[in-house]
C-alpha atoms as a PDB file:
ATOM      1  CA  MET A   1     -10.875 -20.048   8.806  1.00  0.00           C
ATOM      2  CA  ARG A   2     -12.585 -18.932   5.624  1.00  0.00           C
ATOM      3  CA  VAL A   3     -11.486 -16.612   2.841  1.00  0.00           C
ATOM      4  CA  VAL A   4     -13.993 -13.809   2.286  1.00  0.00           C
ATOM      5  CA  LYS A   5     -14.030 -10.355   0.777  1.00  0.00           C
ATOM      6  CA  LEU A   6     -13.163  -7.657   3.305  1.00  0.00           C
ATOM      7  CA  LEU A   7     -16.642  -6.278   2.598  1.00  0.00           C
ATOM      8  CA  GLU A   8     -18.139  -9.092   4.679  1.00  0.00           C
ATOM      9  CA  ILE A   9     -16.478  -7.855   7.874  1.00  0.00           C
ATOM     10  CA  ALA A  10     -16.053  -4.113   7.256  1.00  0.00           C
ATOM     11  CA  TYR A  11     -17.541  -0.983   5.744  1.00  0.00           C
ATOM     12  CA  GLY A  12     -15.550   1.558   3.781  1.00  0.00           C
ATOM     13  CA  ARG A  13     -15.453   5.233   2.820  1.00  0.00           C
ATOM     14  CA  SER A  14     -12.993   7.067   0.653  1.00  0.00           C
ATOM     15  CA  GLY A  15     -12.125  10.513  -0.507  1.00  0.00           C
ATOM     16  CA  ASP A  16      -9.287  12.520  -1.954  1.00  0.00           C
ATOM     17  CA  LYS A  17      -6.973  15.417  -1.406  1.00  0.00           C
ATOM     18  CA  GLY A  18      -4.620  16.480  -4.169  1.00  0.00           C
ATOM     19  CA  ASN A  19      -2.803  13.452  -5.532  1.00  0.00           C
ATOM     20  CA  GLY A  20      -3.687  11.128  -2.644  1.00  0.00           C
ATOM     21  CA  SER A  21      -6.765   9.233  -1.627  1.00  0.00           C
ATOM     22  CA  ASN A  22      -7.804   8.202   1.805  1.00  0.00           C
ATOM     23  CA  VAL A  23      -9.640   4.985   2.547  1.00  0.00           C
ATOM     24  CA  GLY A  24     -11.422   4.394   5.834  1.00  0.00           C
ATOM     25  CA  ILE A  25     -12.161   0.782   6.761  1.00  0.00           C
ATOM     26  CA  ILE A  26     -14.656   0.394   9.609  1.00  0.00           C
ATOM     27  CA  ALA A  27     -15.065  -2.936  11.403  1.00  0.00           C
ATOM     28  CA  ARG A  28     -18.571  -4.358  11.565  1.00  0.00           C
ATOM     29  CA  HIS A  29     -17.922  -5.537  15.156  1.00  0.00           C
ATOM     30  CA  PRO A  30     -15.455  -4.433  17.875  1.00  0.00           C
ATOM     31  CA  GLU A  31     -13.643  -7.792  17.864  1.00  0.00           C
ATOM     32  CA  ILE A  32     -13.169  -7.500  14.118  1.00  0.00           C
ATOM     33  CA  TYR A  33     -11.346  -4.208  14.632  1.00  0.00           C
ATOM     34  CA  THR A  34      -8.659  -5.998  16.668  1.00  0.00           C
ATOM     35  CA  PHE A  35      -8.360  -8.616  13.916  1.00  0.00           C
ATOM     36  CA  LEU A  36      -8.071  -5.953  11.202  1.00  0.00           C
ATOM     37  CA  GLU A  37      -5.505  -4.034  13.222  1.00  0.00           C
ATOM     38  CA  GLU A  38      -3.278  -7.127  13.016  1.00  0.00           C
ATOM     39  CA  LYS A  39      -4.048  -8.361   9.496  1.00  0.00           C
ATOM     40  CA  LEU A  40      -4.852  -5.302   7.376  1.00  0.00           C
ATOM     41  CA  THR A  41      -1.370  -3.838   7.135  1.00  0.00           C
ATOM     42  CA  THR A  42       0.002  -1.149   4.861  1.00  0.00           C
ATOM     43  CA  GLU A  43       1.796  -3.897   2.922  1.00  0.00           C
ATOM     44  CA  VAL A  44      -1.442  -5.800   2.323  1.00  0.00           C
ATOM     45  CA  VAL A  45      -3.269  -2.664   1.140  1.00  0.00           C
ATOM     46  CA  LYS A  46      -0.312  -1.566  -1.031  1.00  0.00           C
ATOM     47  CA  GLU A  47      -0.161  -4.973  -2.746  1.00  0.00           C
ATOM     48  CA  HIS A  48      -3.914  -4.979  -3.366  1.00  0.00           C
ATOM     49  CA  MET A  49      -3.871  -1.413  -4.716  1.00  0.00           C
ATOM     50  CA  LYS A  50      -0.543  -1.626  -6.582  1.00  0.00           C
ATOM     51  CA  ASN A  51      -2.124  -0.736  -9.921  1.00  0.00           C
ATOM     52  CA  VAL A  52      -3.600   2.445  -8.423  1.00  0.00           C
ATOM     53  CA  CYS A  53      -1.219   3.546  -5.674  1.00  0.00           C
ATOM     54  CA  LYS A  54       2.222   4.483  -6.971  1.00  0.00           C
ATOM     55  CA  GLY A  55       3.438   5.974  -3.675  1.00  0.00           C
ATOM     56  CA  THR A  56       3.534   4.855  -0.082  1.00  0.00           C
ATOM     57  CA  VAL A  57       0.592   3.706   1.996  1.00  0.00           C
ATOM     58  CA  GLU A  58       0.216   5.118   5.493  1.00  0.00           C
ATOM     59  CA  ARG A  59      -2.120   3.718   8.167  1.00  0.00           C
ATOM     60  CA  PHE A  60      -3.787   5.493  11.064  1.00  0.00           C
ATOM     61  CA  GLU A  61      -5.596   3.575  13.813  1.00  0.00           C
ATOM     62  CA  LEU A  62      -8.883   4.925  15.169  1.00  0.00           C
ATOM     63  CA  PRO A  63      -9.834   2.412  17.894  1.00  0.00           C
ATOM     64  CA  ASN A  64     -12.479   4.682  19.409  1.00  0.00           C
ATOM     65  CA  ILE A  65     -14.600   4.213  16.263  1.00  0.00           C
ATOM     66  CA  GLY A  66     -13.243   0.783  15.253  1.00  0.00           C
ATOM     67  CA  ALA A  67     -11.641   2.035  12.067  1.00  0.00           C
ATOM     68  CA  LEU A  68      -8.382   2.091  10.161  1.00  0.00           C
ATOM     69  CA  ASN A  69      -7.620   4.950   7.804  1.00  0.00           C
ATOM     70  CA  PHE A  70      -5.220   4.426   4.914  1.00  0.00           C
ATOM     71  CA  LEU A  71      -3.612   7.248   3.010  1.00  0.00           C
ATOM     72  CA  LEU A  72      -2.695   6.153  -0.530  1.00  0.00           C
ATOM     73  CA  ASN A  73      -0.047   8.586  -1.708  1.00  0.00           C
ATOM     74  CA  ASP A  74       0.387   9.217  -5.439  1.00  0.00           C
ATOM     75  CA  SER A  75      -2.811   7.375  -6.335  1.00  0.00           C
ATOM     76  CA  LEU A  76      -4.743   9.926  -8.390  1.00  0.00           C
ATOM     77  CA  GLY A  77      -2.529  10.630 -11.373  1.00  0.00           C
ATOM     78  CA  GLY A  78      -1.810  14.156 -10.182  1.00  0.00           C
ATOM     79  CA  GLY A  79      -5.259  14.937  -8.763  1.00  0.00           C
ATOM     80  CA  GLY A  80      -8.682  15.810 -10.108  1.00  0.00           C
ATOM     81  CA  SER A  81      -7.714  18.993 -11.916  1.00  0.00           C
ATOM     82  CA  VAL A  82      -4.736  17.574 -13.857  1.00  0.00           C
ATOM     83  CA  SER A  83      -5.332  13.845 -14.224  1.00  0.00           C
ATOM     84  CA  LEU A  84      -6.688  11.964 -17.226  1.00  0.00           C
ATOM     85  CA  LYS A  85      -7.816   9.145 -14.916  1.00  0.00           C
ATOM     86  CA  LEU A  86     -11.516   8.304 -14.964  1.00  0.00           C
ATOM     87  CA  ASP A  87     -11.647   8.403 -11.140  1.00  0.00           C
ATOM     88  CA  ALA A  88      -9.211  11.179 -10.316  1.00  0.00           C
ATOM     89  CA  GLN A  89     -11.153  11.900  -7.123  1.00  0.00           C
ATOM     90  CA  GLY A  90     -10.632   8.486  -5.491  1.00  0.00           C
ATOM     91  CA  LYS A  91     -14.292   7.986  -4.569  1.00  0.00           C
ATOM     92  CA  THR A  92     -14.164   4.297  -5.516  1.00  0.00           C
ATOM     93  CA  HIS A  93     -10.930   3.384  -3.737  1.00  0.00           C
ATOM     94  CA  ALA A  94     -12.749   2.090  -0.639  1.00  0.00           C
ATOM     95  CA  ALA A  95     -14.805  -0.217  -2.861  1.00  0.00           C
ATOM     96  CA  GLN A  96     -11.577  -1.554  -4.352  1.00  0.00           C
ATOM     97  CA  VAL A  97     -10.048  -2.211  -0.926  1.00  0.00           C
ATOM     98  CA  LEU A  98     -13.263  -3.917   0.240  1.00  0.00           C
ATOM     99  CA  ARG A  99     -12.832  -6.422  -2.634  1.00  0.00           C
ATOM    100  CA  LEU A 100      -9.626  -7.678  -0.991  1.00  0.00           C
ATOM    101  CA  ASP A 101      -9.633 -11.392  -0.064  1.00  0.00           C
ATOM    102  CA  ILE A 102      -8.890 -12.006   3.608  1.00  0.00           C
ATOM    103  CA  GLU A 103      -8.767 -15.180   5.681  1.00  0.00           C
ATOM    104  CA  VAL A 104     -11.065 -14.750   8.681  1.00  0.00           C
ATOM    105  CA  PRO A 105     -11.788 -17.048  11.630  1.00  0.00           C
ATOM    106  CA  GLU A 106     -15.314 -18.503  11.526  1.00  0.00           C
ATOM    107  CA  ARG A 107     -15.872 -17.134  15.061  1.00  0.00           C
ATOM    108  CA  LEU A 108     -15.553 -13.554  13.770  1.00  0.00           C
ATOM    109  CA  LEU A 109     -17.772 -14.214  10.774  1.00  0.00           C
ATOM    110  CA  ALA A 110     -20.443 -15.488  13.179  1.00  0.00           C
ATOM    111  CA  LEU A 111     -20.305 -12.174  15.092  1.00  0.00           C
ATOM    112  CA  VAL A 112     -21.114 -10.265  11.927  1.00  0.00           C
ATOM    113  CA  ASN A 113     -23.963 -12.606  11.060  1.00  0.00           C
ATOM    114  CA  GLU A 114     -25.492 -12.182  14.560  1.00  0.00           C
ATOM    115  CA  ALA A 115     -25.675  -8.403  14.242  1.00  0.00           C
END
């Protein structure tokens, strides 16, 4: 096992709608998706984003594309048109989630390095 940034095993995209942002995390290999499905829980994401996300975190599994989508409720200070936040659109939230430290088996890290 080795602790790495989530970025080493996944890609990310994010966007916004009203006062919530949505963060898609896409596994870099099919076996990594199964690992993320187990380890990247709503609790883990909520703890990592606690300074941004004031509401609940919801997770949606998308196994057909090897992705997890997280909805971060109450994370934009009211939304782009009313917020004083610098990033009221949530475009950088995926980058923040990808900075999360995660303990990953060496076997899975090798799969990413082979690709």
